[in-house]
Amino acid sequence: MSLHDFIENEILPLYDNFDAGHQRDHARYVMAQSQQLAQFYPEVDRDMLLVAAAYHDVGMCQGRKFHHVASARIIRDDSRLLQWFTPEQIEIIADAAEDHRASSTNAPRTIYGRIIAESDRQIIADVIVRRTIQYTQTYFPDLNEQEQYQRFIDHMNEKYAYGGYLKLWIPESPNAQRLDDFRRIIADPVAIKQKYDDIYAQVVAK
């Protein structure tokens, strides 16, 4: 079995068991983005990066709060990876997966971690709003519509707004401009409410 077949058949199906914001499409997005960013760093092993991206959220099976740590542990414990990588390479892959979380207070330890962290920052306004709504409905089902919106605004201000904790790591990434554009929407109460209402209607209609 090739590495790509292994990822396709053994790793990506794990995402089918996760919440709407962490399905296969998200894993594929991070895989594709990381490969695009790798062009700026010729020293990076593309296969190592691909595996780190594919595994980065598999730790969700053990809960969201420490999923990045669980993902790294799963990588280190997966002896199948020895078909393609040395133990030293597997450790770098595990570190990259562990370092991807946006709320981490420390910078990623390697270029692999910085690329995975940056690729995981899916700075597309509609995607962010939709994923936040879906997450709230999954994990906070008792909130009424007003409370759901307040939780949404609190999360936007804490993470994405000016002064939020989200950090970007790769200067060549298009995320910086996308984040600045999204911050302008968040700062406009009318604009952010309109975007939320439009996407909320789409989510509820499904």
Protein backbone atom coordinates (compact mmCIF):
# COMPACT_ATOMS: atom_id res chain seq x y z
CA MET A 1 0.00 0.00 0.00
CA SER A 2 1.30 3.43 -0.90
CA LEU A 3 1.42 6.25 1.63
CA HIS A 4 -1.34 8.10 -0.22
CA ASP A 5 -3.56 5.01 -0.25
CA PHE A 6 -2.88 4.50 3.45
CA ILE A 7 -4.01 8.05 4.24
CA GLU A 8 -7.06 7.73 2.01
CA ASN A 9 -8.19 4.34 3.29
CA GLU A 10 -7.03 4.27 6.92
CA ILE A 11 -6.79 7.84 8.23
CA LEU A 12 -9.33 10.06 6.51
CA PRO A 13 -12.30 7.76 7.33
CA LEU A 14 -11.63 8.50 11.02
CA TYR A 15 -12.96 12.02 10.44
CA ASP A 16 -16.40 10.65 9.60
CA ASN A 17 -17.01 10.24 13.34
CA PHE A 18 -16.30 13.87 14.26
CA ASP A 19 -18.45 17.01 14.37
CA ALA A 20 -19.43 18.93 11.24
CA GLY A 21 -16.40 21.21 11.42
CA HIS A 22 -13.94 18.32 11.53
CA GLN A 23 -15.00 16.06 8.69
CA ARG A 24 -12.91 14.75 5.79
CA ASP A 25 -13.32 18.00 3.88
CA HIS A 26 -11.48 19.87 6.63
CA ALA A 27 -8.65 17.34 6.71
CA ARG A 28 -8.36 17.53 2.92
CA TYR A 29 -8.30 21.32 3.08
CA VAL A 30 -5.40 21.30 5.54
CA MET A 31 -3.57 18.70 3.44
CA ALA A 32 -3.97 20.78 0.27
CA GLN A 33 -3.10 24.11 1.91
CA SER A 34 0.01 22.70 3.56
CA GLN A 35 1.26 21.35 0.23
CA GLN A 36 0.75 24.77 -1.35
CA LEU A 37 2.68 26.52 1.41
CA ALA A 38 5.46 23.94 1.19
CA GLN A 39 6.52 25.41 -2.16
CA PHE A 40 8.09 28.29 -0.25
CA TYR A 41 10.17 25.91 1.90
CA PRO A 42 12.10 23.48 -0.34
CA GLU A 43 13.75 21.85 2.68
CA VAL A 44 10.41 20.44 3.83
CA ASP A 45 9.64 16.76 3.19
CA ARG A 46 6.26 16.84 1.45
CA ASP A 47 5.28 13.33 2.63
CA MET A 48 5.97 14.17 6.26
CA LEU A 49 3.88 17.29 5.89
CA LEU A 50 1.06 15.36 4.25
CA VAL A 51 0.92 12.87 7.12
CA ALA A 52 0.98 15.61 9.76
CA ALA A 53 -1.94 17.31 8.00
CA ALA A 54 -3.89 14.07 7.61
CA TYR A 55 -3.50 13.16 11.30
CA HIS A 56 -3.71 16.65 12.81
CA ASP A 57 -7.28 16.29 14.17
CA VAL A 58 -7.60 12.51 14.63
CA GLY A 59 -7.26 13.07 18.38
CA MET A 60 -10.82 14.45 18.34
CA CYS A 61 -11.81 10.87 19.11
CA GLN A 62 -10.61 11.57 22.67
CA GLY A 63 -12.33 14.94 23.05
CA ARG A 64 -11.83 18.43 21.66
CA LYS A 65 -10.00 20.11 24.53
CA PHE A 66 -6.77 18.13 24.24
CA HIS A 67 -7.24 16.71 20.75
CA HIS A 68 -3.92 18.11 19.54
CA VAL A 69 -2.05 16.18 22.25
CA ALA A 70 -4.05 13.04 21.47
CA SER A 71 -3.29 13.42 17.75
CA ALA A 72 0.42 13.53 18.47
CA ARG A 73 0.17 10.46 20.71
CA ILE A 74 -1.72 8.55 18.01
CA ILE A 75 1.01 9.37 15.49
CA ARG A 76 3.79 8.26 17.83
CA ASP A 77 1.95 5.01 18.58
CA ASP A 78 1.12 4.16 14.96
CA SER A 79 3.81 1.65 14.03
CA ARG A 80 2.48 1.49 10.47
CA LEU A 81 4.22 4.79 9.78
CA LEU A 82 7.58 3.03 10.13
CA GLN A 83 7.01 1.72 6.61
CA TRP A 84 7.76 5.20 5.30
CA PHE A 85 9.50 7.22 8.03
CA THR A 86 12.25 6.95 10.62
CA PRO A 87 11.41 7.34 14.33
CA GLU A 88 13.00 10.79 14.19
CA GLN A 89 10.77 11.83 11.31
CA ILE A 90 7.69 10.47 13.07
CA GLU A 91 8.55 12.59 16.11
CA ILE A 92 8.68 15.71 13.93
CA ILE A 93 5.32 14.78 12.39
CA ALA A 94 3.83 14.28 15.86
CA ASP A 95 5.19 17.63 17.07
CA ALA A 96 3.63 19.35 14.04
CA ALA A 97 0.22 17.85 14.77
CA GLU A 98 0.47 18.76 18.45
CA ASP A 99 1.49 22.35 17.71
CA HIS A 100 -1.33 23.15 15.29
CA ARG A 101 -3.93 24.34 17.82
CA ALA A 102 -4.85 28.00 17.43
CA SER A 103 -5.20 28.63 21.17
CA SER A 104 -1.67 27.44 21.93
CA THR A 105 0.40 30.08 23.72
CA ASN A 106 3.64 28.75 22.23
CA ALA A 107 4.91 29.02 18.67
CA PRO A 108 5.14 25.74 16.73
CA ARG A 109 8.51 24.07 17.26
CA THR A 110 9.35 23.36 13.61
CA ILE A 111 8.58 24.61 10.12
CA TYR A 112 6.28 21.59 9.79
CA GLY A 113 4.28 22.76 12.79
CA ARG A 114 4.11 26.31 11.47
CA ILE A 115 2.83 25.16 8.09
CA ILE A 116 0.21 22.84 9.61
CA ALA A 117 -0.91 25.52 12.06
CA GLU A 118 -1.20 28.06 9.26
CA SER A 119 -3.03 25.63 6.98
CA ASP A 120 -5.52 24.86 9.76
CA ARG A 121 -6.38 28.55 9.95
CA GLN A 122 -9.22 28.32 7.46
CA ILE A 123 -9.70 32.08 7.25
CA ILE A 124 -12.80 32.11 5.06
CA ALA A 125 -15.52 34.18 6.70
CA ASP A 126 -18.47 32.01 5.67
CA VAL A 127 -16.66 28.82 6.72
CA ILE A 128 -15.74 30.25 10.13
CA VAL A 129 -19.28 31.45 10.79
CA ARG A 130 -20.83 28.16 9.65
CA ARG A 131 -18.45 26.00 11.69
CA THR A 132 -19.09 28.09 14.80
CA ILE A 133 -22.85 27.80 14.40
CA GLN A 134 -22.59 24.05 13.84
CA TYR A 135 -20.33 23.63 16.86
CA THR A 136 -22.69 25.61 19.08
CA GLN A 137 -25.70 23.60 17.99
CA THR A 138 -23.83 20.33 18.57
CA TYR A 139 -22.31 21.09 21.96
CA PHE A 140 -24.70 23.71 23.37
CA PRO A 141 -28.12 22.45 22.21
CA ASP A 142 -29.96 24.06 25.13
CA LEU A 143 -29.09 27.63 24.13
CA ASN A 144 -31.87 29.68 22.57
CA GLU A 145 -31.28 31.70 19.39
CA GLN A 146 -30.20 34.85 21.24
CA GLU A 147 -27.82 32.89 23.47
CA GLN A 148 -26.37 31.11 20.44
CA TYR A 149 -25.64 34.46 18.80
CA GLN A 150 -24.05 35.83 21.96
CA ARG A 151 -21.79 32.79 22.18
CA PHE A 152 -20.88 33.32 18.52
CA ILE A 153 -19.96 36.97 19.08
CA ASP A 154 -17.95 36.14 22.19
CA HIS A 155 -15.99 33.52 20.24
CA MET A 156 -15.36 35.88 17.30
CA ASN A 157 -14.04 38.58 19.62
CA GLU A 158 -11.90 36.17 21.60
CA LYS A 159 -10.29 34.47 18.62
CA TYR A 160 -10.57 36.42 15.34
CA ALA A 161 -11.17 40.10 16.14
CA TYR A 162 -8.46 42.71 16.56
CA GLY A 163 -6.60 41.65 19.69
CA GLY A 164 -7.84 38.05 19.45
CA TYR A 165 -5.58 35.12 20.23
CA LEU A 166 -5.35 33.75 16.67
CA LYS A 167 -1.78 33.94 15.34
CA LEU A 168 -0.51 33.47 11.80
CA TRP A 169 2.87 31.86 11.14
CA ILE A 170 3.62 31.81 7.41
CA PRO A 171 4.15 35.20 5.73
CA GLU A 172 3.52 33.76 2.25
CA SER A 173 0.02 32.63 3.25
CA PRO A 174 -3.03 34.55 1.97
CA ASN A 175 -4.53 34.29 5.46
CA ALA A 176 -3.27 37.68 6.61
CA GLN A 177 -5.43 39.63 4.13
CA ARG A 178 -8.40 37.31 4.70
CA LEU A 179 -8.15 37.79 8.46
CA ASP A 180 -7.97 41.56 8.10
CA ASP A 181 -11.06 41.53 5.89
CA PHE A 182 -12.93 39.33 8.37
CA ARG A 183 -11.92 41.56 11.28
CA ARG A 184 -13.57 44.50 9.53
CA ILE A 185 -16.80 42.51 9.33
CA ILE A 186 -16.60 41.52 13.00
CA ALA A 187 -16.05 45.16 13.96
CA ASP A 188 -19.27 46.17 12.16
CA PRO A 189 -22.26 45.01 14.27
CA VAL A 190 -24.66 45.24 11.33
CA ALA A 191 -22.41 43.36 8.90
CA ILE A 192 -21.56 40.51 11.26
CA LYS A 193 -25.21 40.07 12.30
CA GLN A 194 -26.31 39.94 8.67
CA LYS A 195 -23.67 37.33 7.82
CA TYR A 196 -24.60 35.27 10.87
CA ASP A 197 -28.32 35.41 10.08
CA ASP A 198 -27.77 34.37 6.45
CA ILE A 199 -25.63 31.36 7.34
CA TYR A 200 -27.71 30.42 10.36
CA ALA A 201 -30.74 30.13 8.06
CA GLN A 202 -28.77 27.84 5.75
CA VAL A 203 -27.61 25.62 8.61
CA VAL A 204 -31.07 25.33 10.16
CA ALA A 205 -32.65 24.58 6.78
CA LYS A 206 -30.50 21.46 6.31
